[in-house]
Amino acid sequence: MTVVRTPASAAPVRSRGSVPRELLVFAVIGVASTVLHLGGFVVLRTLLGTPQVANAVALLVAAVANTWANRRWTFGIRGREGVARHQLQGLLVLALTLAMTSGGLALLAHVAPDAPTWVETGVVAVTTVAATAVKYAAMRWWVFAPRGPQNSATTNPPTESSNSTAPVQSASS
């Protein structure tokens, strides 16, 4: 058997758990990310005076932190390999969330143009929750889906042919 080792910092190490465990960790990270997003939204909404820009900036910051945390703790991926790709794919998933939250804010602005910040925050929260199921599915089956061989730490190249010319003896002889 030949064992090929790569530097620990280069190769991703996966330690995937069960789906219920993933969902629990994903939910905890999601709550923390939502608090970061909504807190950032309130602060930026007050500073910038525009809900759309405040939402986009707060969501971007929360999404980068969320992708990092889910990569490490929900899906058990460690190492530097794939970090940039994961963040890029995470930003594409962010586009879905941004579209949903921005759409909710636009609808609210049309229905209630003078809605207070707490109502806007509620709309952002509800639309964020609505995007969560799609976000988990996208992260599990696209962003953090295993690629290539499942265990890249060891390889067992064939050293001999599996064809054998030795006679096979029957036990009934």
N, C-alpha and C. Protein backbone atom coordinates (compact mmCIF):
# COMPACT_ATOMS: atom_id res chain seq x y z
N MET A 1 0.85 -1.17 0.00
CA MET A 1 0.00 0.00 0.00
C MET A 1 0.89 1.23 0.00
N THR A 2 0.58 2.18 -0.84
CA THR A 2 1.31 3.43 -0.91
C THR A 2 0.46 4.53 -0.30
N VAL A 3 1.04 5.28 0.61
CA VAL A 3 0.33 6.40 1.24
C VAL A 3 0.94 7.68 0.72
N VAL A 4 0.10 8.53 0.18
CA VAL A 4 0.56 9.82 -0.32
C VAL A 4 0.02 10.88 0.62
N ARG A 5 0.90 11.64 1.22
CA ARG A 5 0.48 12.68 2.15
C ARG A 5 0.72 14.04 1.52
N THR A 6 -0.23 14.93 1.76
CA THR A 6 -0.09 16.30 1.29
C THR A 6 0.00 17.19 2.51
N PRO A 7 0.57 18.39 2.36
CA PRO A 7 0.67 19.29 3.50
C PRO A 7 -0.72 19.57 4.08
N ALA A 8 -0.83 19.59 5.39
CA ALA A 8 -2.11 19.77 6.05
C ALA A 8 -2.76 21.09 5.67
N SER A 9 -1.97 22.11 5.39
CA SER A 9 -2.54 23.41 5.06
C SER A 9 -3.10 23.46 3.64
N ALA A 10 -2.72 22.51 2.80
CA ALA A 10 -3.15 22.57 1.41
C ALA A 10 -4.39 21.73 1.16
N ALA A 11 -4.44 20.53 1.70
CA ALA A 11 -5.54 19.62 1.39
C ALA A 11 -6.72 19.84 2.33
N PRO A 12 -7.94 19.85 1.77
CA PRO A 12 -9.09 19.98 2.64
C PRO A 12 -9.31 18.69 3.42
N VAL A 13 -9.66 18.82 4.64
CA VAL A 13 -9.97 17.67 5.48
C VAL A 13 -11.46 17.73 5.75
N ARG A 14 -12.16 16.68 5.40
CA ARG A 14 -13.60 16.64 5.59
C ARG A 14 -13.94 15.71 6.74
N SER A 15 -14.82 16.20 7.58
CA SER A 15 -15.33 15.36 8.64
C SER A 15 -16.83 15.57 8.73
N ARG A 16 -17.52 15.13 7.68
CA ARG A 16 -18.96 15.32 7.60
C ARG A 16 -19.68 14.51 8.66
N GLY A 17 -20.67 15.14 9.23
CA GLY A 17 -21.49 14.46 10.22
C GLY A 17 -22.82 14.06 9.61
N SER A 18 -23.73 13.68 10.47
CA SER A 18 -25.06 13.31 10.01
C SER A 18 -25.84 14.55 9.61
N VAL A 19 -26.89 14.36 8.82
CA VAL A 19 -27.70 15.50 8.39
C VAL A 19 -28.32 16.21 9.59
N PRO A 20 -28.87 15.50 10.60
CA PRO A 20 -29.41 16.24 11.76
C PRO A 20 -28.35 17.10 12.46
N ARG A 21 -27.13 16.59 12.58
CA ARG A 21 -26.06 17.37 13.19
C ARG A 21 -25.73 18.58 12.33
N GLU A 22 -25.64 18.36 11.01
CA GLU A 22 -25.38 19.47 10.09
C GLU A 22 -26.46 20.55 10.22
N LEU A 23 -27.71 20.11 10.27
CA LEU A 23 -28.82 21.07 10.37
C LEU A 23 -28.75 21.86 11.67
N LEU A 24 -28.39 21.20 12.76
CA LEU A 24 -28.28 21.89 14.05
C LEU A 24 -27.17 22.95 14.00
N VAL A 25 -26.00 22.56 13.53
CA VAL A 25 -24.88 23.50 13.45
C VAL A 25 -25.20 24.62 12.45
N PHE A 26 -25.80 24.25 11.30
CA PHE A 26 -26.19 25.24 10.31
C PHE A 26 -27.17 26.25 10.92
N ALA A 27 -28.10 25.77 11.73
CA ALA A 27 -29.08 26.66 12.38
C ALA A 27 -28.41 27.61 13.36
N VAL A 28 -27.48 27.10 14.15
CA VAL A 28 -26.78 27.95 15.12
C VAL A 28 -25.98 29.03 14.39
N ILE A 29 -25.27 28.62 13.34
CA ILE A 29 -24.50 29.59 12.55
C ILE A 29 -25.45 30.56 11.87
N GLY A 30 -26.57 30.05 11.39
CA GLY A 30 -27.56 30.91 10.75
C GLY A 30 -28.13 31.96 11.69
N VAL A 31 -28.41 31.56 12.93
CA VAL A 31 -28.91 32.53 13.91
C VAL A 31 -27.86 33.61 14.16
N ALA A 32 -26.61 33.19 14.36
CA ALA A 32 -25.54 34.16 14.59
C ALA A 32 -25.37 35.08 13.38
N SER A 33 -25.44 34.52 12.17
CA SER A 33 -25.31 35.32 10.96
C SER A 33 -26.49 36.28 10.80
N THR A 34 -27.67 35.82 11.16
CA THR A 34 -28.85 36.68 11.07
C THR A 34 -28.75 37.84 12.05
N VAL A 35 -28.27 37.56 13.26
CA VAL A 35 -28.07 38.63 14.24
C VAL A 35 -27.05 39.64 13.71
N LEU A 36 -25.95 39.14 13.14
CA LEU A 36 -24.95 40.02 12.55
C LEU A 36 -25.56 40.84 11.41
N HIS A 37 -26.31 40.18 10.53
CA HIS A 37 -26.93 40.86 9.39
C HIS A 37 -27.93 41.92 9.86
N LEU A 38 -28.83 41.54 10.75
CA LEU A 38 -29.86 42.49 11.20
C LEU A 38 -29.26 43.62 12.02
N GLY A 39 -28.28 43.30 12.87
CA GLY A 39 -27.60 44.35 13.64
C GLY A 39 -26.88 45.32 12.72
N GLY A 40 -26.18 44.77 11.74
CA GLY A 40 -25.50 45.61 10.76
C GLY A 40 -26.49 46.44 9.96
N PHE A 41 -27.64 45.83 9.62
CA PHE A 41 -28.67 46.56 8.88
C PHE A 41 -29.17 47.76 9.67
N VAL A 42 -29.48 47.55 10.95
CA VAL A 42 -30.00 48.65 11.78
C VAL A 42 -28.97 49.77 11.88
N VAL A 43 -27.71 49.42 12.16
CA VAL A 43 -26.66 50.43 12.30
C VAL A 43 -26.46 51.18 10.97
N LEU A 44 -26.33 50.43 9.89
CA LEU A 44 -26.09 51.06 8.58
C LEU A 44 -27.32 51.83 8.09
N ARG A 45 -28.50 51.34 8.41
CA ARG A 45 -29.74 52.04 8.02
C ARG A 45 -29.77 53.41 8.68
N THR A 46 -29.35 53.47 9.93
CA THR A 46 -29.32 54.73 10.67
C THR A 46 -28.25 55.66 10.09
N LEU A 47 -27.09 55.09 9.77
CA LEU A 47 -25.98 55.91 9.26
C LEU A 47 -26.17 56.36 7.81
N LEU A 48 -26.67 55.45 6.97
CA LEU A 48 -26.75 55.72 5.54
C LEU A 48 -28.08 56.30 5.10
N GLY A 49 -29.13 56.02 5.85
CA GLY A 49 -30.45 56.54 5.50
C GLY A 49 -31.15 55.82 4.37
N THR A 50 -30.57 54.77 3.82
CA THR A 50 -31.22 54.02 2.75
C THR A 50 -31.25 52.53 3.09
N PRO A 51 -32.43 51.92 3.09
CA PRO A 51 -32.52 50.52 3.48
C PRO A 51 -31.85 49.55 2.51
N GLN A 52 -31.89 49.82 1.21
CA GLN A 52 -31.32 48.88 0.24
C GLN A 52 -29.81 48.75 0.37
N VAL A 53 -29.11 49.87 0.49
CA VAL A 53 -27.65 49.84 0.64
C VAL A 53 -27.28 49.23 1.99
N ALA A 54 -27.97 49.62 3.03
CA ALA A 54 -27.70 49.07 4.36
C ALA A 54 -27.87 47.55 4.36
N ASN A 55 -28.93 47.08 3.72
CA ASN A 55 -29.18 45.64 3.64
C ASN A 55 -28.08 44.93 2.87
N ALA A 56 -27.69 45.48 1.72
CA ALA A 56 -26.67 44.83 0.88
C ALA A 56 -25.33 44.73 1.60
N VAL A 57 -24.90 45.80 2.23
CA VAL A 57 -23.60 45.80 2.91
C VAL A 57 -23.63 44.86 4.12
N ALA A 58 -24.68 44.95 4.92
CA ALA A 58 -24.78 44.09 6.11
C ALA A 58 -24.86 42.62 5.70
N LEU A 59 -25.59 42.33 4.64
CA LEU A 59 -25.72 40.95 4.17
C LEU A 59 -24.40 40.43 3.62
N LEU A 60 -23.63 41.26 2.93
CA LEU A 60 -22.33 40.85 2.40
C LEU A 60 -21.38 40.46 3.53
N VAL A 61 -21.30 41.29 4.55
CA VAL A 61 -20.42 40.99 5.69
C VAL A 61 -20.86 39.69 6.37
N ALA A 62 -22.16 39.56 6.61
CA ALA A 62 -22.68 38.36 7.27
C ALA A 62 -22.46 37.12 6.40
N ALA A 63 -22.59 37.24 5.08
CA ALA A 63 -22.44 36.09 4.19
C ALA A 63 -21.01 35.55 4.17
N VAL A 64 -20.02 36.43 4.16
CA VAL A 64 -18.63 35.98 4.17
C VAL A 64 -18.33 35.23 5.47
N ALA A 65 -18.78 35.78 6.59
CA ALA A 65 -18.59 35.12 7.88
C ALA A 65 -19.37 33.81 7.92
N ASN A 66 -20.57 33.79 7.38
CA ASN A 66 -21.41 32.60 7.37
C ASN A 66 -20.78 31.48 6.55
N THR A 67 -20.26 31.81 5.37
CA THR A 67 -19.64 30.81 4.51
C THR A 67 -18.41 30.21 5.21
N TRP A 68 -17.61 31.07 5.82
CA TRP A 68 -16.43 30.58 6.55
C TRP A 68 -16.85 29.63 7.68
N ALA A 69 -17.83 30.03 8.47
CA ALA A 69 -18.26 29.22 9.61
C ALA A 69 -18.90 27.91 9.16
N ASN A 70 -19.74 27.95 8.14
CA ASN A 70 -20.36 26.71 7.66
C ASN A 70 -19.34 25.78 7.04
N ARG A 71 -18.37 26.33 6.35
CA ARG A 71 -17.30 25.51 5.76
C ARG A 71 -16.60 24.72 6.86
N ARG A 72 -16.27 25.40 7.93
CA ARG A 72 -15.50 24.78 9.00
C ARG A 72 -16.34 23.89 9.90
N TRP A 73 -17.45 24.41 10.39
CA TRP A 73 -18.18 23.70 11.44
C TRP A 73 -19.35 22.87 10.96
N THR A 74 -20.10 23.32 9.97
CA THR A 74 -21.23 22.52 9.49
C THR A 74 -20.76 21.38 8.62
N PHE A 75 -19.88 21.69 7.65
CA PHE A 75 -19.49 20.70 6.67
C PHE A 75 -18.09 20.13 6.91
N GLY A 76 -17.43 20.56 7.99
CA GLY A 76 -16.18 19.97 8.43
C GLY A 76 -15.03 20.07 7.45
N ILE A 77 -14.92 21.17 6.74
CA ILE A 77 -13.84 21.32 5.76
C ILE A 77 -12.77 22.23 6.35
N ARG A 78 -11.57 21.70 6.42
CA ARG A 78 -10.44 22.47 6.93
C ARG A 78 -9.34 22.47 5.89
N GLY A 79 -8.44 23.40 6.00
CA GLY A 79 -7.39 23.53 5.00
C GLY A 79 -7.72 24.67 4.06
N ARG A 80 -6.73 25.07 3.29
CA ARG A 80 -6.90 26.23 2.42
C ARG A 80 -7.44 25.90 1.04
N GLU A 81 -7.31 24.66 0.61
CA GLU A 81 -7.76 24.29 -0.73
C GLU A 81 -9.26 24.55 -0.89
N GLY A 82 -9.61 25.27 -1.92
CA GLY A 82 -11.01 25.52 -2.23
C GLY A 82 -11.62 26.71 -1.51
N VAL A 83 -10.87 27.41 -0.66
CA VAL A 83 -11.43 28.53 0.11
C VAL A 83 -11.98 29.60 -0.82
N ALA A 84 -11.22 30.01 -1.83
CA ALA A 84 -11.68 31.07 -2.73
C ALA A 84 -12.92 30.63 -3.50
N ARG A 85 -12.91 29.39 -3.99
CA ARG A 85 -14.08 28.87 -4.72
C ARG A 85 -15.29 28.83 -3.80
N HIS A 86 -15.11 28.36 -2.57
CA HIS A 86 -16.22 28.30 -1.62
C HIS A 86 -16.78 29.69 -1.33
N GLN A 87 -15.90 30.67 -1.14
CA GLN A 87 -16.38 32.03 -0.88
C GLN A 87 -17.12 32.58 -2.09
N LEU A 88 -16.60 32.34 -3.30
CA LEU A 88 -17.26 32.81 -4.51
C LEU A 88 -18.64 32.16 -4.65
N GLN A 89 -18.72 30.85 -4.45
CA GLN A 89 -20.01 30.18 -4.52
C GLN A 89 -20.94 30.68 -3.41
N GLY A 90 -20.37 30.93 -2.23
CA GLY A 90 -21.16 31.48 -1.14
C GLY A 90 -21.73 32.84 -1.50
N LEU A 91 -20.96 33.64 -2.24
CA LEU A 91 -21.46 34.95 -2.69
C LEU A 91 -22.57 34.80 -3.72
N LEU A 92 -22.50 33.74 -4.53
CA LEU A 92 -23.60 33.49 -5.47
C LEU A 92 -24.87 33.09 -4.73
N VAL A 93 -24.70 32.31 -3.66
CA VAL A 93 -25.86 31.97 -2.82
C VAL A 93 -26.37 33.24 -2.14
N LEU A 94 -25.45 34.12 -1.76
CA LEU A 94 -25.83 35.42 -1.19
C LEU A 94 -26.72 36.19 -2.16
N ALA A 95 -26.46 36.10 -3.45
CA ALA A 95 -27.27 36.81 -4.44
C ALA A 95 -28.75 36.42 -4.32
N LEU A 96 -29.01 35.15 -4.06
CA LEU A 96 -30.39 34.71 -3.86
C LEU A 96 -30.99 35.38 -2.64
N THR A 97 -30.26 35.36 -1.54
CA THR A 97 -30.75 35.98 -0.31
C THR A 97 -30.93 37.48 -0.50
N LEU A 98 -29.98 38.11 -1.16
CA LEU A 98 -30.09 39.55 -1.41
C LEU A 98 -31.31 39.86 -2.28
N ALA A 99 -31.55 39.04 -3.30
CA ALA A 99 -32.72 39.25 -4.15
C ALA A 99 -34.01 39.12 -3.34
N MET A 100 -34.06 38.15 -2.46
CA MET A 100 -35.27 37.96 -1.65
C MET A 100 -35.46 39.09 -0.65
N THR A 101 -34.39 39.48 0.05
CA THR A 101 -34.53 40.55 1.05
C THR A 101 -34.78 41.90 0.38
N SER A 102 -34.08 42.16 -0.71
CA SER A 102 -34.30 43.42 -1.43
C SER A 102 -35.70 43.48 -2.03
N GLY A 103 -36.16 42.34 -2.54
CA GLY A 103 -37.52 42.27 -3.06
C GLY A 103 -38.56 42.54 -1.99
N GLY A 104 -38.32 41.98 -0.80
CA GLY A 104 -39.22 42.24 0.33
C GLY A 104 -39.24 43.71 0.71
N LEU A 105 -38.05 44.32 0.76
CA LEU A 105 -37.98 45.75 1.08
C LEU A 105 -38.65 46.61 -0.01
N ALA A 106 -38.46 46.24 -1.26
CA ALA A 106 -39.09 46.98 -2.35
C ALA A 106 -40.62 46.87 -2.28
N LEU A 107 -41.10 45.68 -1.99
CA LEU A 107 -42.55 45.49 -1.84
C LEU A 107 -43.08 46.31 -0.67
N LEU A 108 -42.35 46.28 0.46
CA LEU A 108 -42.76 47.08 1.62
C LEU A 108 -42.77 48.58 1.26
N ALA A 109 -41.76 49.05 0.55
CA ALA A 109 -41.70 50.46 0.18
C ALA A 109 -42.87 50.85 -0.71
N HIS A 110 -43.33 49.90 -1.51
CA HIS A 110 -44.48 50.16 -2.37
C HIS A 110 -45.79 50.18 -1.57
N VAL A 111 -45.91 49.25 -0.64
CA VAL A 111 -47.14 49.12 0.15
C VAL A 111 -47.19 50.14 1.29
N ALA A 112 -46.06 50.32 1.96
CA ALA A 112 -46.00 51.23 3.11
C ALA A 112 -44.73 52.07 3.02
N PRO A 113 -44.74 53.12 2.21
CA PRO A 113 -43.53 53.90 1.96
C PRO A 113 -42.90 54.54 3.20
N ASP A 114 -43.66 54.77 4.23
CA ASP A 114 -43.12 55.40 5.44
C ASP A 114 -42.98 54.41 6.59
N ALA A 115 -42.77 53.14 6.27
CA ALA A 115 -42.65 52.13 7.33
C ALA A 115 -41.43 52.42 8.20
N PRO A 116 -41.56 52.24 9.51
CA PRO A 116 -40.41 52.46 10.39
C PRO A 116 -39.33 51.38 10.20
N THR A 117 -38.14 51.68 10.71
CA THR A 117 -37.01 50.75 10.58
C THR A 117 -37.32 49.39 11.18
N TRP A 118 -38.08 49.32 12.27
CA TRP A 118 -38.36 48.02 12.89
C TRP A 118 -39.22 47.15 11.97
N VAL A 119 -40.09 47.77 11.17
CA VAL A 119 -40.89 46.99 10.20
C VAL A 119 -39.98 46.53 9.06
N GLU A 120 -39.11 47.41 8.58
CA GLU A 120 -38.15 47.02 7.54
C GLU A 120 -37.27 45.86 8.03
N THR A 121 -36.83 45.96 9.28
CA THR A 121 -36.00 44.90 9.87
C THR A 121 -36.78 43.59 9.92
N GLY A 122 -38.05 43.66 10.27
CA GLY A 122 -38.90 42.46 10.28
C GLY A 122 -39.02 41.84 8.90
N VAL A 123 -39.19 42.67 7.89
CA VAL A 123 -39.27 42.17 6.52
C VAL A 123 -37.97 41.49 6.12
N VAL A 124 -36.84 42.12 6.46
CA VAL A 124 -35.54 41.51 6.15
C VAL A 124 -35.41 40.17 6.88
N ALA A 125 -35.83 40.10 8.13
CA ALA A 125 -35.74 38.86 8.90
C ALA A 125 -36.61 37.75 8.28
N VAL A 126 -37.83 38.07 7.93
CA VAL A 126 -38.74 37.07 7.37
C VAL A 126 -38.22 36.56 6.02
N THR A 127 -37.77 37.45 5.17
CA THR A 127 -37.27 37.01 3.86
C THR A 127 -35.95 36.24 3.99
N THR A 128 -35.17 36.57 5.00
CA THR A 128 -33.93 35.82 5.25
C THR A 128 -34.26 34.39 5.68
N VAL A 129 -35.23 34.24 6.56
CA VAL A 129 -35.66 32.90 7.01
C VAL A 129 -36.19 32.10 5.82
N ALA A 130 -36.93 32.75 4.94
CA ALA A 130 -37.47 32.06 3.77
C ALA A 130 -36.37 31.54 2.85
N ALA A 131 -35.24 32.23 2.79
CA ALA A 131 -34.14 31.81 1.92
C ALA A 131 -33.25 30.74 2.56
N THR A 132 -33.44 30.47 3.84
CA THR A 132 -32.53 29.58 4.56
C THR A 132 -32.55 28.14 4.05
N ALA A 133 -33.72 27.58 3.78
CA ALA A 133 -33.80 26.20 3.30
C ALA A 133 -33.08 26.04 1.96
N VAL A 134 -33.27 26.98 1.07
CA VAL A 134 -32.60 26.94 -0.22
C VAL A 134 -31.09 27.10 -0.02
N LYS A 135 -30.71 27.96 0.90
CA LYS A 135 -29.30 28.20 1.17
C LYS A 135 -28.61 26.93 1.69
N TYR A 136 -29.26 26.22 2.62
CA TYR A 136 -28.69 24.97 3.14
C TYR A 136 -28.51 23.97 2.01
N ALA A 137 -29.53 23.80 1.19
CA ALA A 137 -29.45 22.84 0.09
C ALA A 137 -28.32 23.22 -0.87
N ALA A 138 -28.21 24.50 -1.19
CA ALA A 138 -27.16 24.94 -2.11
C ALA A 138 -25.78 24.70 -1.50
N MET A 139 -25.63 24.97 -0.22
CA MET A 139 -24.33 24.76 0.42
C MET A 139 -23.99 23.27 0.51
N ARG A 140 -24.96 22.46 0.86
CA ARG A 140 -24.69 21.03 1.05
C ARG A 140 -24.40 20.32 -0.27
N TRP A 141 -25.19 20.61 -1.30
CA TRP A 141 -25.08 19.85 -2.53
C TRP A 141 -24.35 20.58 -3.65
N TRP A 142 -23.92 21.82 -3.42
CA TRP A 142 -23.17 22.52 -4.46
C TRP A 142 -21.89 23.13 -3.90
N VAL A 143 -21.99 24.08 -2.98
CA VAL A 143 -20.81 24.79 -2.50
C VAL A 143 -19.83 23.84 -1.81
N PHE A 144 -20.31 23.04 -0.87
CA PHE A 144 -19.43 22.18 -0.09
C PHE A 144 -19.56 20.70 -0.44
N ALA A 145 -20.09 20.41 -1.62
CA ALA A 145 -20.20 19.03 -2.06
C ALA A 145 -18.81 18.45 -2.27
N PRO A 146 -18.60 17.21 -1.84
CA PRO A 146 -17.29 16.59 -2.06
C PRO A 146 -16.97 16.54 -3.54
N ARG A 147 -15.74 16.84 -3.88
CA ARG A 147 -15.28 16.80 -5.26
C ARG A 147 -14.14 15.80 -5.37
N GLY A 148 -14.13 15.06 -6.43
CA GLY A 148 -13.04 14.11 -6.66
C GLY A 148 -13.09 12.97 -5.66
N PRO A 149 -11.96 12.30 -5.46
CA PRO A 149 -11.92 11.17 -4.54
C PRO A 149 -12.28 11.60 -3.12
N GLN A 150 -13.08 10.79 -2.45
CA GLN A 150 -13.50 11.11 -1.09
C GLN A 150 -12.35 11.13 -0.10
N ASN A 151 -11.37 10.26 -0.29
CA ASN A 151 -10.24 10.21 0.63
C ASN A 151 -8.97 10.44 -0.17
N SER A 152 -8.57 11.69 -0.29
CA SER A 152 -7.40 12.00 -1.11
C SER A 152 -6.09 11.81 -0.35
N ALA A 153 -6.16 11.42 0.92
CA ALA A 153 -4.94 11.27 1.71
C ALA A 153 -4.22 9.96 1.39
N THR A 154 -4.96 8.95 0.95
CA THR A 154 -4.31 7.68 0.64
C THR A 154 -4.74 7.23 -0.74
N THR A 155 -3.80 6.61 -1.42
CA THR A 155 -4.12 5.99 -2.69
C THR A 155 -3.50 4.62 -2.70
N ASN A 156 -4.17 3.71 -3.30
CA ASN A 156 -3.68 2.34 -3.39
C ASN A 156 -3.59 1.95 -4.85
N PRO A 157 -2.50 2.29 -5.51
CA PRO A 157 -2.38 1.93 -6.92
C PRO A 157 -2.22 0.42 -7.04
N PRO A 158 -2.80 -0.17 -8.08
CA PRO A 158 -2.65 -1.62 -8.24
C PRO A 158 -1.20 -1.96 -8.52
N THR A 159 -0.69 -2.95 -7.79
CA THR A 159 0.70 -3.36 -7.98
C THR A 159 0.78 -4.65 -8.77
N GLU A 160 -0.30 -5.39 -8.81
CA GLU A 160 -0.31 -6.63 -9.56
C GLU A 160 -1.60 -6.73 -10.34
N SER A 161 -1.59 -7.54 -11.36
CA SER A 161 -2.79 -7.78 -12.13
C SER A 161 -3.78 -8.57 -11.30
N SER A 162 -5.06 -8.31 -11.48
CA SER A 162 -6.06 -9.08 -10.75
C SER A 162 -6.37 -10.38 -11.46
N ASN A 163 -5.80 -10.56 -12.67
CA ASN A 163 -6.01 -11.82 -13.39
C ASN A 163 -5.07 -12.87 -12.81
N SER A 164 -5.62 -13.98 -12.47
CA SER A 164 -4.82 -15.05 -11.89
C SER A 164 -4.94 -16.27 -12.77
N THR A 165 -3.82 -16.98 -12.95
CA THR A 165 -3.85 -18.22 -13.72
C THR A 165 -3.77 -19.43 -12.81
N ALA A 166 -3.83 -19.21 -11.50
CA ALA A 166 -3.77 -20.35 -10.58
C ALA A 166 -5.09 -21.11 -10.65
N PRO A 167 -5.03 -22.45 -10.60
CA PRO A 167 -6.27 -23.24 -10.66
C PRO A 167 -7.10 -23.03 -9.41
N VAL A 168 -8.40 -23.09 -9.59
CA VAL A 168 -9.32 -22.95 -8.47
C VAL A 168 -9.74 -24.35 -8.05
N GLN A 169 -9.58 -24.64 -6.76
CA GLN A 169 -9.93 -25.94 -6.23
C GLN A 169 -11.36 -25.90 -5.68
N SER A 170 -12.09 -26.91 -5.90
CA SER A 170 -13.45 -27.00 -5.39
C SER A 170 -13.41 -27.69 -4.05
N ALA A 171 -14.23 -27.28 -3.10
CA ALA A 171 -14.27 -27.88 -1.77
C ALA A 171 -14.92 -29.25 -1.81
N SER A 172 -15.66 -29.59 -2.87
CA SER A 172 -16.37 -30.87 -2.92
C SER A 172 -15.53 -31.96 -3.52
N SER A 173 -14.27 -31.76 -3.86
CA SER A 173 -13.43 -32.78 -4.50
C SER A 173 -13.07 -33.86 -3.56
